[in-house]
Protein backbone atom coordinates (compact mmCIF):
# COMPACT_ATOMS: atom_id res chain seq x y z
CA MET A 1 -34.70 14.14 23.14
CA LYS A 2 -33.82 10.47 23.10
CA GLN A 3 -30.35 9.03 22.52
CA HIS A 4 -30.02 6.17 20.02
CA THR A 5 -27.51 3.50 19.14
CA THR A 6 -27.97 4.09 15.41
CA ILE A 7 -28.31 7.86 15.34
CA VAL A 8 -26.88 10.78 17.26
CA PHE A 9 -28.30 14.16 16.30
CA MET A 10 -27.83 17.82 17.10
CA LEU A 11 -30.37 20.61 16.72
CA CYS A 12 -28.82 23.62 15.05
CA PHE A 13 -31.49 26.31 14.78
CA VAL A 14 -35.15 27.17 14.69
CA LEU A 15 -36.47 29.60 12.11
CA GLY A 16 -39.76 31.06 10.90
CA PHE A 17 -43.35 30.13 11.56
CA SER A 18 -42.68 26.47 10.99
CA GLN A 19 -39.99 24.97 13.16
CA LYS A 20 -36.88 24.03 11.15
CA GLU A 21 -34.05 21.91 12.44
CA TYR A 22 -30.73 20.87 10.92
CA VAL A 23 -29.79 17.45 12.23
CA GLN A 24 -26.37 15.81 12.04
CA VAL A 25 -26.75 12.05 11.71
CA ASP A 26 -23.94 9.66 12.60
CA SER A 27 -24.98 6.66 10.51
CA LYS A 28 -23.67 3.24 11.41
CA ILE A 29 -24.93 1.85 8.11
CA LEU A 30 -23.18 4.43 5.93
CA GLU A 31 -20.28 4.79 8.38
CA GLU A 32 -20.35 8.56 7.95
CA THR A 33 -22.09 11.69 9.19
CA ARG A 34 -24.98 12.99 7.07
CA GLN A 35 -27.20 16.04 7.39
CA ILE A 36 -30.99 15.98 7.55
CA LYS A 37 -33.25 19.02 7.43
CA VAL A 38 -36.52 18.86 9.38
CA GLN A 39 -39.55 21.15 9.17
CA LEU A 40 -42.27 20.68 11.77
CA PRO A 41 -45.83 21.96 11.25
CA ARG A 42 -46.79 25.43 12.47
CA ASN A 43 -49.08 24.02 15.14
CA TYR A 44 -46.84 21.17 16.21
CA GLU A 45 -46.20 22.51 19.72
CA LYS A 46 -49.84 23.48 20.27
CA ASN A 47 -51.29 20.08 19.36
CA LYS A 48 -49.38 17.85 21.76
CA GLU A 49 -51.35 14.69 20.97
CA LYS A 50 -51.63 15.06 17.20
CA LYS A 51 -49.63 12.91 14.78
CA TYR A 52 -48.58 14.07 11.32
CA PRO A 53 -47.86 12.40 7.96
CA VAL A 54 -44.21 12.50 6.90
CA VAL A 55 -42.81 13.77 3.60
CA VAL A 56 -39.20 12.74 2.90
CA THR A 57 -37.36 14.33 0.00
CA PHE A 58 -34.13 13.19 -1.56
CA ASP A 59 -31.66 15.92 -2.59
CA GLY A 60 -32.54 17.93 0.49
CA ASP A 61 -29.74 20.37 -0.31
CA TYR A 62 -31.96 21.89 -3.05
CA MET A 63 -35.34 20.11 -2.84
CA PHE A 64 -36.10 20.67 0.85
CA GLU A 65 -37.00 24.36 0.59
CA PRO A 66 -39.56 24.03 -2.25
CA VAL A 67 -41.09 20.90 -0.72
CA ALA A 68 -41.27 22.46 2.76
CA GLY A 69 -42.61 25.75 1.42
CA ILE A 70 -45.34 24.24 -0.74
CA SER A 71 -46.45 21.83 1.99
CA ASP A 72 -46.64 24.67 4.53
CA PHE A 73 -48.65 26.89 2.17
CA TYR A 74 -51.13 24.21 1.14
CA SER A 75 -51.61 22.90 4.67
CA TYR A 76 -52.33 26.46 5.84
CA TRP A 77 -55.31 26.54 3.45
CA GLU A 78 -56.30 22.94 4.34
CA TYR A 79 -55.69 21.54 0.86
CA ILE A 80 -53.41 18.99 2.48
CA PRO A 81 -52.82 18.05 6.14
CA GLU A 82 -49.95 19.54 8.10
CA VAL A 83 -46.90 17.35 7.54
CA ILE A 84 -43.43 16.76 8.89
CA VAL A 85 -40.92 17.39 6.09
CA ILE A 86 -37.55 15.61 6.08
CA GLY A 87 -34.83 16.57 3.61
CA ILE A 88 -31.88 14.22 3.15
CA ASN A 89 -28.92 16.30 1.99
CA GLN A 90 -26.96 14.53 -0.75
CA ALA A 91 -24.48 17.15 -1.94
CA GLY A 92 -21.26 15.25 -2.68
CA PHE A 93 -22.97 11.89 -2.08
CA ARG A 94 -25.73 11.72 -4.71
CA GLU A 95 -24.10 9.46 -7.30
CA GLU A 96 -22.94 6.96 -4.70
CA ASP A 97 -26.26 7.05 -2.84
CA GLY A 98 -28.13 5.95 -5.94
CA GLN A 99 -25.55 3.41 -7.08
CA LYS A 100 -27.14 0.62 -9.15
CA ASP A 101 -26.04 -2.39 -11.17
CA ASP A 102 -26.48 -1.22 -14.77
CA GLY A 103 -27.45 -4.68 -15.97
CA ALA A 104 -29.82 -5.92 -13.26
CA GLY A 105 -31.02 -2.43 -12.37
CA TYR A 106 -30.97 -3.04 -8.60
CA PRO A 107 -29.00 -1.09 -5.98
CA GLU A 108 -25.46 -2.24 -5.34
CA GLY A 109 -22.58 -1.16 -3.14
CA LYS A 110 -23.29 2.21 -1.52
CA GLY A 111 -26.79 2.19 -3.01
CA VAL A 112 -27.79 -0.80 -0.88
CA LYS A 113 -26.49 0.94 2.24
CA PHE A 114 -28.28 4.17 1.37
CA TYR A 115 -31.55 2.28 0.93
CA ASP A 116 -31.12 0.78 4.42
CA PHE A 117 -30.07 4.16 5.81
CA VAL A 118 -33.36 5.70 4.66
CA SER A 119 -35.67 2.87 5.67
CA LEU A 120 -33.94 1.77 8.89
CA GLU A 121 -32.20 4.84 10.31
CA VAL A 122 -33.93 7.94 8.96
CA MET A 123 -37.48 6.63 9.36
CA LYS A 124 -36.67 5.19 12.79
CA PHE A 125 -35.25 8.56 13.82
CA VAL A 126 -38.47 10.29 12.69
CA ASP A 127 -40.71 7.78 14.49
CA GLU A 128 -38.79 8.01 17.74
CA ASN A 129 -38.35 11.78 17.88
CA TYR A 130 -41.47 13.25 16.30
CA ARG A 131 -45.19 12.55 16.39
CA ALA A 132 -45.31 10.87 13.00
CA SER A 133 -48.32 9.05 11.59
CA PRO A 134 -47.80 5.83 9.57
CA PHE A 135 -48.46 7.61 6.26
CA ALA A 136 -45.19 8.62 4.57
CA VAL A 137 -44.39 10.15 1.17
CA ILE A 138 -41.08 10.16 -0.73
CA VAL A 139 -40.07 12.88 -3.23
CA GLY A 140 -37.36 12.47 -5.84
CA GLN A 141 -36.08 13.92 -9.10
CA ASP A 142 -34.45 12.13 -12.06
CA TYR A 143 -31.73 9.77 -10.75
CA MET A 144 -33.09 9.64 -7.19
CA SER A 145 -36.70 9.39 -8.31
CA ASP A 146 -35.86 6.11 -10.00
CA PHE A 147 -34.13 5.02 -6.80
CA ALA A 148 -37.43 5.51 -4.93
CA SER A 149 -38.85 2.73 -7.12
CA TYR A 150 -37.18 0.14 -4.92
CA PHE A 151 -39.36 1.10 -1.97
CA VAL A 152 -42.53 0.44 -4.01
CA MET A 153 -41.42 -3.07 -4.84
CA LYS A 154 -41.43 -4.23 -1.22
CA SER A 155 -44.48 -6.22 -0.05
CA ASN A 156 -45.02 -3.75 2.81
CA PRO A 157 -43.49 -0.49 1.56
CA VAL A 158 -42.24 2.16 3.98
CA PHE A 159 -43.73 4.86 1.77
CA ARG A 160 -47.32 4.93 0.53
CA GLY A 161 -47.00 8.13 -1.52
CA TYR A 162 -44.47 8.77 -4.32
CA ILE A 163 -43.75 12.10 -6.03
CA ASN A 164 -41.63 11.46 -9.11
CA LEU A 165 -40.29 14.52 -10.92
CA SER A 166 -38.78 13.66 -14.30
CA PRO A 167 -37.50 10.24 -13.17
CA ASP A 168 -34.55 8.68 -14.97
CA TYR A 169 -36.02 5.18 -15.07
CA THR A 170 -33.88 2.14 -15.71
CA PRO A 171 -35.66 0.01 -18.35
CA ASN A 172 -36.23 -2.84 -15.93
CA ASN A 173 -37.85 -0.64 -13.29
CA ILE A 174 -40.72 0.48 -15.51
CA ASN A 175 -41.90 -3.11 -15.93
CA ARG A 176 -41.21 -3.93 -12.29
CA LEU A 177 -43.25 -0.96 -11.14
CA GLN A 178 -46.16 -1.86 -13.39
CA ASP A 179 -46.16 -5.33 -11.89
CA ALA A 180 -45.87 -4.01 -8.32
CA PHE A 181 -48.75 -1.57 -8.85
CA GLY A 182 -50.98 -4.30 -10.19
CA LYS A 183 -50.28 -6.66 -7.30
CA SER A 184 -50.19 -4.19 -4.40
CA LYS A 185 -52.37 -5.12 -1.45
CA HIS A 186 -51.68 -1.74 0.14
CA LYS A 187 -52.95 1.61 -1.08
CA ILE A 188 -50.27 3.37 -3.12
CA TRP A 189 -50.36 6.98 -4.39
CA TYR A 190 -48.04 7.60 -7.33
CA TYR A 191 -47.52 10.98 -9.00
CA LEU A 192 -45.44 11.10 -12.17
CA ALA A 193 -44.47 14.26 -14.07
CA THR A 194 -42.43 15.31 -17.04
CA ALA A 195 -42.21 18.71 -18.79
CA GLU A 196 -42.64 20.05 -22.30
CA ASN A 197 -38.95 20.94 -22.44
CA ASP A 198 -37.66 18.10 -20.29
CA VAL A 199 -34.51 16.19 -21.23
CA ASP A 200 -35.51 14.32 -24.40
CA ALA A 201 -34.30 10.91 -23.26
CA LEU A 202 -36.10 11.22 -19.92
CA ARG A 203 -39.30 12.52 -21.49
CA THR A 204 -39.43 9.55 -23.88
CA LYS A 205 -39.01 7.03 -21.04
CA ILE A 206 -41.52 8.81 -18.81
CA ARG A 207 -44.20 8.91 -21.50
CA GLY A 208 -43.60 5.23 -22.11
CA ALA A 209 -43.94 4.54 -18.39
CA ASN A 210 -47.18 6.50 -18.27
CA ALA A 211 -48.62 4.35 -21.05
CA LYS A 212 -48.00 1.27 -18.89
CA PHE A 213 -48.95 2.70 -15.49
CA SER A 214 -52.20 4.22 -16.75
CA ILE A 215 -53.65 0.82 -17.67
CA VAL A 216 -52.99 -0.79 -14.28
CA GLU A 217 -56.22 -2.08 -12.77
CA ASN A 218 -56.00 -2.18 -8.99
CA GLU A 219 -58.32 -0.35 -6.62
CA ASN A 220 -55.35 0.17 -4.29
CA PHE A 221 -53.38 2.09 -6.92
CA TYR A 222 -53.99 5.85 -7.18
CA TYR A 223 -52.12 7.20 -10.20
CA TYR A 224 -51.64 10.78 -11.41
CA TYR A 225 -49.68 12.02 -14.43
CA ASP A 226 -48.69 15.55 -15.45
CA ASP A 227 -46.98 16.93 -18.53
CA ILE A 228 -46.02 20.46 -17.45
CA LYS A 229 -46.26 23.03 -20.23
CA LYS A 230 -43.60 25.72 -20.82
CA ALA A 231 -41.24 24.14 -18.31
CA ASP A 232 -37.95 22.26 -18.36
CA HIS A 233 -36.26 19.67 -16.18
CA PHE A 234 -35.82 22.06 -13.25
CA SER A 235 -38.49 24.73 -13.65
CA MET A 236 -41.15 22.00 -13.61
CA ILE A 237 -40.62 21.56 -9.85
CA GLY A 238 -42.57 24.74 -9.03
CA PRO A 239 -45.85 23.82 -10.77
CA ALA A 240 -45.54 20.05 -10.22
CA LEU A 241 -45.25 19.98 -6.42
CA PRO A 242 -48.65 21.64 -5.69
CA GLU A 243 -50.36 19.20 -8.06
CA ALA A 244 -48.52 16.26 -6.53
CA PHE A 245 -49.44 17.15 -2.96
CA GLN A 246 -53.08 17.80 -3.78
CA ASN A 247 -53.37 14.51 -5.64
CA ILE A 248 -51.62 12.38 -3.04
CA PHE A 249 -53.72 13.95 -0.27
CA SER A 250 -56.83 14.22 -2.45
CA LEU A 251 -59.02 12.43 0.09
CA TYR A 252 -58.06 14.92 2.82
CA LYS A 253 -59.04 18.28 1.39
CA PRO A 254 -62.52 19.80 1.87
CA ILE A 255 -65.22 18.89 -0.62
CA SER A 256 -64.65 20.93 -3.76
CA GLN A 257 -67.10 21.82 -6.51
CA GLN A 258 -65.52 19.11 -8.61
CA GLU A 259 -65.92 16.47 -5.88
CA TYR A 260 -69.49 17.65 -5.33
CA ASP A 261 -70.36 17.31 -9.02
CA ARG A 262 -68.55 14.04 -9.68
CA GLN A 263 -68.97 12.14 -6.42
CA VAL A 264 -71.34 13.64 -3.86
CA LEU A 265 -74.30 13.99 -6.22
CA LYS A 266 -73.81 10.41 -7.42
CA ALA A 267 -73.85 8.95 -3.89
CA ASP A 268 -76.90 7.02 -2.71
CA HIS A 269 -76.81 8.67 0.71
CA TYR A 270 -75.09 12.03 1.02
CA VAL A 271 -74.60 11.97 4.79
CA GLU A 272 -73.07 8.50 4.66
CA TYR A 273 -70.71 9.79 1.96
CA LEU A 274 -69.56 12.55 4.31
CA ILE A 275 -69.06 10.17 7.24
CA GLN A 276 -67.11 7.76 5.03
CA LYS A 277 -64.88 10.59 3.82
CA TYR A 278 -63.75 11.42 7.36
CA GLU A 279 -63.39 7.78 8.35
CA THR A 280 -61.14 7.24 5.33
CA ILE A 281 -59.01 10.25 6.28
CA TYR A 282 -58.50 8.71 9.70
CA GLU A 283 -57.73 5.24 8.35
CA LEU A 284 -55.26 6.40 5.70
CA TYR A 285 -53.49 9.31 7.35
CA ALA A 286 -54.15 8.52 11.05
CA LEU A 287 -55.65 12.01 11.34
CA ASP A 288 -58.70 12.62 13.52
CA ILE A 289 -59.78 15.99 12.13
CA LYS A 290 -62.88 18.05 12.89
CA TYR A 291 -65.72 18.08 10.39
CA ARG A 292 -65.61 21.17 8.21
CA VAL A 293 -68.62 23.47 8.02
CA SER A 294 -68.15 23.81 4.24
CA ASP A 295 -68.54 20.04 3.83
CA PHE A 296 -71.86 20.12 5.71
CA MET A 297 -73.09 22.87 3.40
CA TYR A 298 -72.24 20.86 0.28
CA ILE A 299 -74.27 17.96 1.68
CA GLN A 300 -77.18 20.31 2.34
CA GLN A 301 -76.88 21.59 -1.22
CA ALA A 302 -77.13 18.03 -2.55
CA ILE A 303 -80.17 17.31 -0.37
CA GLU A 304 -81.94 20.42 -1.64
CA LYS A 305 -80.97 19.87 -5.28
CA ASN A 306 -82.30 16.31 -5.45
CA LYS A 307 -85.08 16.80 -2.88
CA LYS A 308 -83.88 14.00 -0.61
CA PHE A 309 -85.21 15.84 2.42
CA ASP A 310 -85.41 12.73 4.60
CA GLN A 311 -81.60 12.85 4.79
CA TYR A 312 -81.84 16.11 6.74
CA LYS A 313 -82.62 14.01 9.81
CA ASP A 314 -79.24 12.26 9.64
CA LEU A 315 -77.44 15.47 8.73
CA ALA A 316 -78.93 17.22 11.78
CA LYS A 317 -77.79 14.41 14.06
CA LEU A 318 -74.26 14.49 12.62
CA ALA A 319 -74.05 18.28 12.94
CA GLN A 320 -75.29 18.10 16.55
CA ASN A 321 -72.53 15.60 17.37
CA GLU A 322 -69.67 17.17 15.42
CA LEU A 323 -70.49 20.90 15.55
CA PRO A 324 -72.52 21.20 18.77
CA LYS A 325 -71.78 24.89 19.36
CA THR A 326 -73.19 25.94 16.01
CA LEU A 327 -76.81 26.36 14.99
CA LEU A 328 -76.51 23.88 12.11
CA GLY A 329 -77.91 20.87 13.98
CA ASP A 330 -81.15 22.67 14.87
CA TYR A 331 -81.30 24.37 11.47
CA PHE A 332 -81.09 21.06 9.55
CA ARG A 333 -83.65 19.52 11.92
CA ALA A 334 -86.00 22.43 11.25
CA ARG A 335 -85.66 21.90 7.50
CA TYR A 336 -86.47 18.21 7.99
CA PHE A 337 -89.66 19.05 9.92
CA GLU A 338 -90.64 21.66 7.31
CA GLU A 339 -90.45 19.13 4.50
CA GLU A 340 -92.21 16.49 6.63
CA GLY A 341 -95.17 18.83 7.05
CA LYS A 342 -94.60 19.47 10.75
CA PRO A 343 -94.48 23.29 10.96
CA LYS A 344 -94.79 23.57 14.75
CA LYS A 345 -91.75 21.33 15.29
CA ALA A 346 -89.91 23.24 12.55
CA MET A 347 -90.69 26.54 14.29
CA ARG A 348 -89.39 25.26 17.61
CA SER A 349 -86.20 23.94 16.02
CA TYR A 350 -85.57 27.30 14.37
CA GLN A 351 -86.10 28.93 17.76
CA ASP A 352 -83.67 26.47 19.37
CA ALA A 353 -81.07 27.43 16.77
CA TYR A 354 -81.26 31.10 17.66
CA GLY A 355 -78.37 32.27 19.85
CA LEU A 356 -75.92 29.54 18.85
CA GLU A 357 -72.80 30.16 16.76
CA GLU A 358 -73.56 31.14 13.18
CA ALA A 359 -72.06 28.88 10.50
CA GLY A 360 -72.14 28.21 6.79
CA GLY A 361 -73.91 31.47 6.01
CA VAL A 362 -76.84 30.57 8.29
CA THR A 363 -77.34 33.50 10.68
CA ASN A 364 -79.33 34.03 13.86
CA ASP A 365 -81.46 36.63 12.12
CA TYR A 366 -82.30 34.13 9.39
CA VAL A 367 -83.47 31.32 11.72
CA LEU A 368 -85.44 33.83 13.81
CA ASP A 369 -87.16 35.14 10.67
CA LYS A 370 -87.98 31.57 9.62
CA ALA A 371 -89.55 30.86 13.01
CA GLU A 372 -91.57 34.07 12.90
CA THR A 373 -92.80 33.35 9.37
CA ILE A 374 -94.08 29.91 10.41
CA LYS A 375 -95.69 31.41 13.52
CA GLU A 376 -97.54 34.04 11.49
CA THR A 377 -98.54 31.64 8.73
CA PHE A 378 -100.03 29.01 11.02
CA GLY A 379 -101.13 31.29 13.85
CA TYR A 380 -99.12 29.63 16.60
């Protein structure tokens, strides 16, 4: 590990499937030692070249475990990418960390230092010691969720994703955020949640904020709002976090039935839609992931449904490049030749597919049967 002028750290233990580290930080900005919890992805040591988005949570003394647990579970099932989770412990420091001028509504005193500690020391520590991608998310509840607002207001914010659980907004910040969202030249993901039994004063402010945020018109602003039923200020964390992660990383997850119905079927060219999806994942999250078989099968479904069989040619080429060990490239090419009225070429493509890895429910027996059927029908 590297030594730094701004941070000295000590690894305390490793536990579980995901690697967890407790780090003691000697902060020059705060002039005190603070503790940070770190959870690395399950496959961090296996994928030596891979970089990971970062999720930082305030109140790491009680928020780290639910954030780390939910992110690990959802990344395991590929709903979100694997992420590095950082928890900033604030037990005994919380009120000072979020110190603000009540009139102006901006950080003052220790609050200014804590802002710099997060953006200059914590994020620098993460960048220098872990394989972190540029995409970072901040998580906060009530008092500290409002504090996260100050990162949004910067012209080039450190964080691009914001998970706000029952934020205790200062009146000025609601208007400032609305203005920042409308003017942002960078893509911003913002999740806001309250609960049916939330603190009344907070719930009123949050619903008012939602009314303003929901009318922002900016293609760079991705906004999500939840009102959690049968939950209060603390029990809302359990149901809110999965929704927050899935929304903030909505572009990452495999094509769902909802995405298929609402977006894929409305695209002019289904294969181009798929290519653009993976290019966007790379651009936003700096993740170069493999094409998923399930996504190919949704594109095939769209081609069949709307009889755009000419697109099979492009789908076959993409499958050949991205999934070369599977039979999908030859299978899609065979379907293209079938619909083009070229049975002999279709038969040969089905035969070429035989013996390769089965995928997407397409088996070797199936492609062999298809080839034999064409052979018998046309007498080849």
